[in-house]
């Protein structure tokens, strides 16, 4: 009888020990979940602060531009300063302001030329034709894309020679829809135009003598007036716009870089006009098959000074980075007017080495 009592006591002790183990396990899981929740809340709070800093950059836009104009007037300082100063009338690609410390974080502005890209709708079509040929598209494919793009936007249901109207889209097995019959306003709409999805994935050669190619999409835009700035555009777009070989366009880019051959430094050369005649080495036939008498004038597709810019506000708060982006137009007195409200385009953990770039 005594032995039986001891067995019952031992069993009860084991049950109690298991209960304690399970309880400790449950507490550990709960603590971990609470920690994760608190950690997520902390990250969100930091990102909110980073976004506020990012938007603060736009509030400081006028002052930052004013300070840059002041620096440009100090010629002696410019001679010693190896950093290229901001000049919107003679803009040469990209520019970044000095970081500003504020409320425990930091923010700065980045300005990029929107007219260094090719416009889906406004850039003359001969430029697109030259460009798409380098990507290996056949003439009939290029003509079909042009007709489909026109049919998507025009107000009638008359189909172009190689185009597509609502009855063509409704006959598709998947993603059936109607043609918009109105101007394209958003980049995503181009995906729905017949042939647009293929162009989104298209890659183009960007350097002569190289086997590699890059996606075309990042070099396109729906903002601006459609003219390509030869002081900021990559060589392959300059080649398409000037109707010259890629090797010759690369010489134009190298000329922009100045004597040191490094872009973004004080000795960069601003091109006052597009190179023509003897300024461009005609080492091979023109990229297009059109003759000089019937080919469109490059003046309809190029410019040396831009009016439209992509302005980014970057905010960093305790290892969290938020980037906002807005479209701006050059105004009087070298100022910028925002045409579109800033929107968040990036949220991520900040890498300290990126701030030094």
Foldseek 3Di string as FASTA:
>chain_A
DVVVVVVVVVVVVVVVVVVVVVVVVVVVVVVVVVVVVVVVVVQVVQQVVQVVQLVVQVVCQVVQQVVLVVVVVPVVVLVVDFFATDDQQQDFAKDKTAWDDDPQWIKIKIKGFLLLFAEPPQFDCQLVVLFVVQLPDDPLLSVLLVQLLVQLAAQDQDGDPNHDALVRQCPDPPPRDGRNNHDDDDPVVLCVRVVSVVLQQGWGCQAPPDPDTGRRVVRYDNDFNRAHALSHHGQSSVLSLQQADSVQSVVSNQQQCADVSHPRTSRGDQDPDDDDDPSTDRPDDGSDPDDPVPDDDSVSHHDRGGFKMKMKMWGGHPQKIWIWIFIWGQDPPRHTDTPGDTDTDDIDGDDVVVSVD
